[in-house]
Protein backbone atom coordinates (compact mmCIF):
# COMPACT_ATOMS: atom_id res chain seq x y z
CA MET A 1 72.21 -11.58 -23.49
CA GLU A 2 69.06 -9.65 -24.39
CA ILE A 3 66.02 -11.85 -25.04
CA ILE A 4 63.29 -10.66 -27.41
CA LEU A 5 60.11 -12.72 -27.71
CA HIS A 6 58.30 -12.19 -31.00
CA LEU A 7 54.87 -13.69 -30.29
CA GLY A 8 53.36 -13.18 -33.72
CA ALA A 9 50.36 -13.26 -33.76
CA HIS A 10 49.09 -15.83 -36.23
CA ARG A 11 48.19 -14.47 -39.67
CA THR A 12 50.24 -11.30 -39.23
CA ALA A 13 53.19 -12.12 -41.55
CA THR A 14 55.05 -14.04 -38.85
CA THR A 15 56.18 -16.75 -41.29
CA SER A 16 57.45 -14.06 -43.64
CA PHE A 17 59.46 -12.52 -40.81
CA GLN A 18 60.95 -15.90 -39.92
CA HIS A 19 62.00 -16.51 -43.53
CA TYR A 20 63.67 -13.10 -43.57
CA LEU A 21 65.67 -13.89 -40.43
CA HIS A 22 66.73 -17.26 -41.82
CA ALA A 23 67.81 -15.79 -45.14
CA HIS A 24 70.01 -13.20 -43.41
CA ARG A 25 71.14 -15.28 -40.45
CA GLY A 26 74.84 -14.96 -41.37
CA THR A 27 74.79 -11.18 -41.57
CA LEU A 28 72.75 -10.90 -38.40
CA TRP A 29 75.06 -13.29 -36.57
CA GLU A 30 78.05 -11.10 -37.42
CA ARG A 31 76.23 -8.27 -35.69
CA GLY A 32 75.57 -10.32 -32.57
CA LEU A 33 71.92 -11.11 -33.25
CA GLY A 34 70.75 -14.72 -33.21
CA PHE A 35 67.29 -16.15 -33.61
CA TRP A 36 65.28 -19.22 -32.75
CA GLY A 37 62.34 -19.90 -35.02
CA PRO A 38 59.83 -22.77 -35.17
CA HIS A 39 62.61 -25.07 -36.42
CA ARG A 40 64.07 -24.77 -32.92
CA THR A 41 61.17 -23.93 -30.63
CA ARG A 42 58.95 -26.77 -31.89
CA ASP A 43 61.66 -29.40 -31.70
CA GLY A 44 60.99 -30.06 -28.04
CA LEU A 45 62.71 -26.93 -26.71
CA LEU A 46 59.54 -25.35 -25.31
CA GLN A 47 57.72 -28.57 -24.50
CA ASP A 48 56.28 -28.32 -20.97
CA VAL A 49 57.34 -24.66 -20.84
CA ALA A 50 54.50 -22.79 -22.55
CA ARG A 51 51.93 -25.48 -21.85
CA ASN A 52 51.12 -26.55 -18.33
CA PRO A 53 53.43 -29.52 -17.59
CA GLU A 54 51.99 -32.79 -16.35
CA SER A 55 54.19 -32.88 -13.26
CA PRO A 56 56.73 -30.77 -11.32
CA HIS A 57 59.45 -33.14 -12.52
CA LYS A 58 58.67 -32.40 -16.16
CA ALA A 59 58.54 -28.69 -15.38
CA ARG A 60 62.04 -28.80 -13.87
CA ARG A 61 63.40 -30.78 -16.81
CA ALA A 62 61.85 -28.32 -19.28
CA ALA A 63 63.27 -25.32 -17.44
CA GLY A 64 66.72 -26.91 -17.29
CA ARG A 65 66.64 -27.75 -21.00
CA LEU A 66 65.76 -24.17 -21.89
CA ARG A 67 68.42 -22.70 -19.58
CA LEU A 68 71.10 -24.90 -21.17
CA ALA A 69 70.08 -23.75 -24.65
CA LEU A 70 70.15 -20.10 -23.58
CA GLU A 71 73.57 -20.52 -22.01
CA GLY A 72 74.84 -22.09 -25.21
CA ALA A 73 73.59 -19.12 -27.22
CA ARG A 74 75.23 -16.70 -24.81
CA ARG A 75 78.57 -18.49 -24.91
CA SER A 76 78.52 -18.52 -28.70
CA GLY A 77 78.57 -14.72 -28.70
CA THR A 78 74.89 -13.91 -29.15
CA GLN A 79 74.15 -10.47 -27.75
CA LYS A 80 70.50 -10.32 -28.76
CA LEU A 81 68.33 -13.41 -29.22
CA VAL A 82 65.04 -13.13 -31.11
CA VAL A 83 62.70 -16.03 -30.33
CA THR A 84 59.90 -16.01 -32.88
CA ASP A 85 57.01 -18.46 -32.82
CA GLU A 86 53.33 -17.54 -32.95
CA THR A 87 52.35 -20.70 -31.07
CA MET A 88 53.80 -19.16 -27.91
CA LEU A 89 50.46 -17.32 -27.77
CA GLY A 90 48.49 -20.52 -28.25
CA SER A 91 46.96 -22.10 -31.32
CA ALA A 92 44.84 -20.53 -34.04
CA ARG A 93 42.55 -23.57 -33.87
CA ARG A 94 41.85 -22.97 -30.19
CA CYS A 95 40.96 -19.34 -30.92
CA TRP A 96 38.57 -20.41 -33.67
CA ARG A 97 36.87 -23.10 -31.60
CA ALA A 98 36.62 -20.89 -28.52
CA GLY A 99 35.37 -17.96 -30.59
CA GLU A 100 37.73 -15.52 -28.88
CA MET A 101 41.27 -14.22 -29.25
CA TYR A 102 43.91 -16.28 -27.44
CA PRO A 103 42.12 -17.55 -24.33
CA GLY A 104 44.50 -18.41 -21.52
CA VAL A 105 47.40 -16.46 -23.05
CA GLY A 106 48.37 -14.94 -19.72
CA GLU A 107 49.20 -18.30 -18.18
CA ARG A 108 51.25 -19.33 -21.21
CA ILE A 109 53.31 -16.14 -21.26
CA ALA A 110 53.83 -16.29 -17.49
CA ARG A 111 55.33 -19.77 -17.83
CA LEU A 112 57.49 -18.64 -20.74
CA ALA A 113 58.71 -15.62 -18.78
CA VAL A 114 59.81 -17.90 -15.94
CA GLY A 115 61.52 -20.27 -18.35
CA PHE A 116 63.43 -17.58 -20.24
CA GLY A 117 64.30 -15.57 -17.17
CA HIS A 118 64.65 -11.86 -17.86
CA VAL A 119 62.79 -11.04 -21.08
CA ARG A 120 63.75 -7.57 -22.27
CA THR A 121 61.21 -7.06 -25.08
CA ILE A 122 57.99 -8.69 -26.25
CA SER A 123 56.89 -7.95 -29.81
CA LEU A 124 53.29 -8.42 -30.91
CA GLN A 125 51.88 -7.64 -34.35
CA ILE A 126 48.14 -7.04 -34.56
CA ARG A 127 45.70 -6.95 -37.46
CA GLN A 128 42.21 -5.68 -38.20
CA GLN A 129 39.92 -8.24 -36.61
CA ASP A 130 37.56 -9.03 -39.49
CA LEU A 131 40.53 -9.80 -41.75
CA TRP A 132 42.37 -11.62 -38.97
CA TRP A 133 39.47 -13.95 -38.21
CA ALA A 134 38.84 -14.55 -41.93
CA SER A 135 42.50 -15.41 -42.43
CA VAL A 136 42.41 -17.80 -39.45
CA ALA A 137 39.39 -19.53 -40.98
CA ALA A 138 41.10 -19.78 -44.38
CA LEU A 139 44.13 -21.31 -42.65
CA LEU A 140 42.13 -23.94 -40.77
CA ILE A 141 39.68 -25.10 -43.45
CA PRO A 142 42.40 -26.91 -45.46
CA ARG A 143 43.52 -28.46 -42.14
CA GLY A 144 40.18 -30.12 -41.55
CA GLU A 145 38.27 -27.45 -39.65
CA GLY A 146 34.64 -27.05 -40.64
CA LEU A 147 32.93 -23.88 -41.75
CA ALA A 148 31.53 -21.76 -38.97
CA GLU A 149 27.78 -21.67 -38.51
CA PRO A 150 26.08 -18.25 -38.66
CA GLY A 151 25.57 -18.29 -34.90
CA ARG A 152 29.25 -18.82 -34.24
CA LEU A 153 30.22 -15.99 -36.61
CA ALA A 154 27.78 -13.68 -34.87
CA ALA A 155 29.22 -14.66 -31.48
CA ILE A 156 32.78 -13.98 -32.65
CA ALA A 157 31.80 -10.57 -34.01
CA ALA A 158 30.04 -9.66 -30.76
CA HIS A 159 32.67 -11.03 -28.38
CA PRO A 160 34.17 -8.25 -26.24
CA ARG A 161 37.70 -9.70 -26.18
CA ALA A 162 40.03 -7.80 -28.52
CA TRP A 163 43.73 -7.07 -28.96
CA ARG A 164 43.63 -4.75 -25.97
CA ASP A 165 42.74 -7.69 -23.74
CA VAL A 166 45.44 -9.90 -25.23
CA ILE A 167 48.05 -7.19 -24.72
CA THR A 168 46.88 -6.60 -21.14
CA ASP A 169 47.13 -10.32 -20.35
CA VAL A 170 50.66 -10.45 -21.79
CA ALA A 171 51.71 -7.36 -19.84
CA CYS A 172 50.40 -8.75 -16.57
CA ALA A 173 52.15 -12.07 -17.20
CA CYS A 174 55.53 -10.46 -17.91
CA PRO A 175 55.55 -7.08 -16.14
CA GLY A 176 59.28 -6.47 -16.57
CA ALA A 177 59.24 -6.57 -20.38
CA ASN A 178 58.84 -3.72 -22.82
CA ILE A 179 55.85 -4.63 -25.00
CA VAL A 180 56.15 -3.30 -28.55
CA VAL A 181 53.01 -3.50 -30.69
CA THR A 182 53.13 -3.08 -34.46
CA PRO A 183 50.23 -2.96 -36.94
CA PHE A 184 50.18 -5.62 -39.64
CA GLU A 185 49.03 -3.00 -42.11
CA ARG A 186 52.37 -1.18 -41.82
CA PHE A 187 54.88 -4.01 -41.33
CA ALA A 188 53.47 -7.03 -43.18
CA ASP A 189 55.81 -6.68 -46.15
CA ARG A 190 58.72 -5.02 -44.30
CA PRO A 191 60.37 -7.62 -42.05
CA ASP A 192 63.55 -5.52 -41.97
CA GLN A 193 61.71 -2.61 -40.37
CA LEU A 194 59.97 -4.97 -37.97
CA LEU A 195 63.34 -6.34 -36.83
CA ALA A 196 64.72 -2.84 -36.33
CA THR A 197 61.64 -1.84 -34.35
CA MET A 198 61.72 -4.76 -31.93
CA SER A 199 65.50 -5.09 -31.53
CA GLY A 200 66.89 -1.58 -31.95
CA LEU A 201 69.25 -2.92 -34.61
CA THR A 202 70.33 -0.08 -36.88
CA ARG A 203 70.44 -0.67 -40.62
CA PRO A 204 69.25 -4.29 -40.68
CA PRO A 205 69.57 -6.11 -44.02
CA SER A 206 67.11 -4.28 -46.24
CA VAL A 207 64.71 -6.09 -48.53
CA ARG A 208 62.34 -5.19 -51.32
CA PRO A 209 58.80 -4.86 -49.89
CA GLY A 210 56.92 -8.12 -50.33
CA LYS A 211 59.97 -10.29 -51.09
CA PHE A 212 59.47 -12.50 -48.05
CA TRP A 213 55.68 -12.71 -48.09
CA ARG A 214 54.92 -16.34 -47.18
CA ASN A 215 51.95 -18.47 -46.16
CA ARG A 216 49.33 -16.15 -47.55
CA ARG A 217 45.73 -17.20 -47.14
CA GLU A 218 44.05 -19.43 -49.71
CA ALA A 219 41.72 -17.75 -52.19
CA ALA A 220 38.00 -18.36 -51.88
CA SER A 221 38.05 -20.40 -55.11
CA THR A 222 40.68 -22.74 -53.65
CA LEU A 223 38.68 -23.16 -50.44
CA ARG A 224 35.62 -24.06 -52.52
CA GLU A 225 37.59 -26.85 -54.16
CA ILE A 226 38.79 -28.13 -50.79
CA ILE A 227 35.26 -28.12 -49.40
CA ALA A 228 33.96 -29.96 -52.49
CA ASP A 229 36.71 -32.59 -52.22
CA ARG A 230 35.57 -33.25 -48.64
CA GLY A 231 32.06 -33.95 -49.87
CA GLU A 232 30.61 -30.75 -48.44
CA ASP A 233 28.62 -28.05 -50.18
CA PRO A 234 31.06 -25.61 -51.86
CA ASP A 235 28.28 -23.02 -52.16
CA CYS A 236 28.83 -22.27 -48.48
CA ILE A 237 31.72 -20.18 -49.78
CA PRO A 238 30.74 -17.54 -52.36
CA GLU A 239 32.19 -17.93 -55.82
CA GLY A 240 35.05 -15.72 -56.90
CA ALA A 241 38.81 -15.55 -56.91
CA GLY A 242 39.06 -13.07 -54.05
CA ARG A 243 39.76 -13.79 -50.41
CA TYR A 244 37.33 -15.59 -48.18
CA MET A 245 35.21 -13.39 -45.92
CA PRO A 246 32.70 -15.27 -43.75
CA PHE A 247 31.31 -12.22 -41.91
CA ASP A 248 28.45 -10.06 -43.14
CA ASP A 249 28.70 -6.29 -43.39
CA ARG A 250 27.33 -5.61 -39.91
CA GLN A 251 29.68 -8.11 -38.31
CA ARG A 252 32.63 -6.69 -40.21
CA ALA A 253 31.74 -3.21 -39.05
CA ALA A 254 31.68 -4.36 -35.42
CA LEU A 255 35.07 -6.06 -35.76
CA ARG A 256 36.59 -3.03 -37.50
CA GLU A 257 35.27 -0.80 -34.73
CA ALA A 258 36.90 -3.06 -32.15
CA TYR A 259 40.22 -2.67 -33.98
CA ALA A 260 39.82 1.10 -34.12
CA ASP A 261 39.27 1.09 -30.36
CA ASP A 262 42.37 -1.07 -29.89
CA LEU A 263 44.49 1.35 -31.90
CA PHE A 264 43.03 4.35 -30.12
CA TRP A 265 43.89 2.79 -26.75
CA LEU A 266 47.43 2.11 -27.92
CA GLU A 267 47.88 5.57 -29.42
CA THR A 268 46.81 7.20 -26.17
CA GLY A 269 49.31 5.31 -24.02
CA ALA A 270 47.80 1.83 -23.54
CA ASP A 271 47.58 2.47 -19.77
CA GLY A 272 51.37 2.36 -19.70
CA LEU A 273 51.39 -1.34 -20.68
CA ALA A 274 52.65 -1.18 -24.26
CA ILE A 275 54.03 1.09 -26.97
CA LEU A 276 52.56 1.27 -30.45
CA LYS A 277 55.13 1.67 -33.21
CA SER A 278 53.65 2.35 -36.59
CA ASP A 279 56.94 3.19 -38.29
CA THR A 280 60.58 2.61 -37.49
CA GLY A 281 61.63 5.12 -34.85
CA THR A 282 58.11 6.47 -34.35
CA ALA A 283 56.61 5.70 -30.95
CA ARG A 284 53.06 6.75 -31.74
CA ARG A 285 51.50 7.82 -34.97
CA SER A 286 47.86 8.32 -35.77
CA LEU A 287 46.31 5.38 -37.59
CA THR A 288 42.66 6.18 -37.01
CA GLY A 289 40.59 9.30 -37.28
CA GLY A 290 39.49 8.82 -33.68
CA ALA A 291 42.99 9.53 -32.44
CA HIS A 292 42.44 13.22 -33.11
CA GLY A 293 39.29 13.35 -31.01
CA PRO A 294 38.73 13.35 -27.26
CA LYS A 295 41.17 11.10 -25.43
CA GLU A 296 38.46 9.44 -23.37
CA ARG A 297 36.69 8.02 -26.41
CA GLY A 298 35.98 4.27 -26.25
CA ARG A 299 33.57 1.59 -27.35
CA ARG A 300 31.06 2.55 -24.67
CA HIS A 301 30.72 6.03 -26.25
CA ASP A 302 29.16 4.44 -29.32
CA ARG A 303 26.39 2.80 -27.30
CA PRO A 304 23.12 4.42 -26.32
CA ALA A 305 22.88 5.50 -22.69
């Protein structure tokens, strides 16, 4: 049985993809493809697998529980199993509080790789960093997280850790897997194409673009109401019905540049660690103007000597 881990990430249409799989589970099952989503993975299945267990005994029990579940899927006729849960990478709250993208992800994926055994493919969807961080903030504010102080926002924008580092950590933790990276900007509203890209399934159930768009971020006006209800100053969030953007123009430019560098690295081979797929069946396609320039371009080339 081929195992495909869809890691998310958070705020990259992962929930939409999971709803698509659930809606078409019968058709996919007939074609030998099964899936485990959060309804399964967060019901104790991965407890003490992704996170560091408290004792060797709990680690053995967790590994045995997962192996039994995998054997059950195999015996039922599943040929390809898509396991999709963004919390396999860690939590969005931890990213926000640490001010960096998925700290400690390598250890988590290494434990998952041991638990699942041979993982054939790892799928990771990435997103422009200024919009990703803003979406993470909009997700966490209704869940009790406070607004970031200007110093924290500046630190996030200046932090050197980017998608390239996350991908490298994942690759080192699971060296036998094919790592497929897709851009949110291309696949957010096309879960059918995302499934085909990660699984190789031909002609997956097609959907109208945007039909399965779920869990979209709250508008700035809604966040203002939430902040006011908590007794805090709603003016910390600018008025308007658009989406919340906590970063200033200079910070946004730095985060967008980091994303351009990530894409450039992926387009030029990603050091052999991952493959960028920007369209179904297309291994590499230019997404940034920099991809047409010198292949040794990087963030350091934009700094004074």
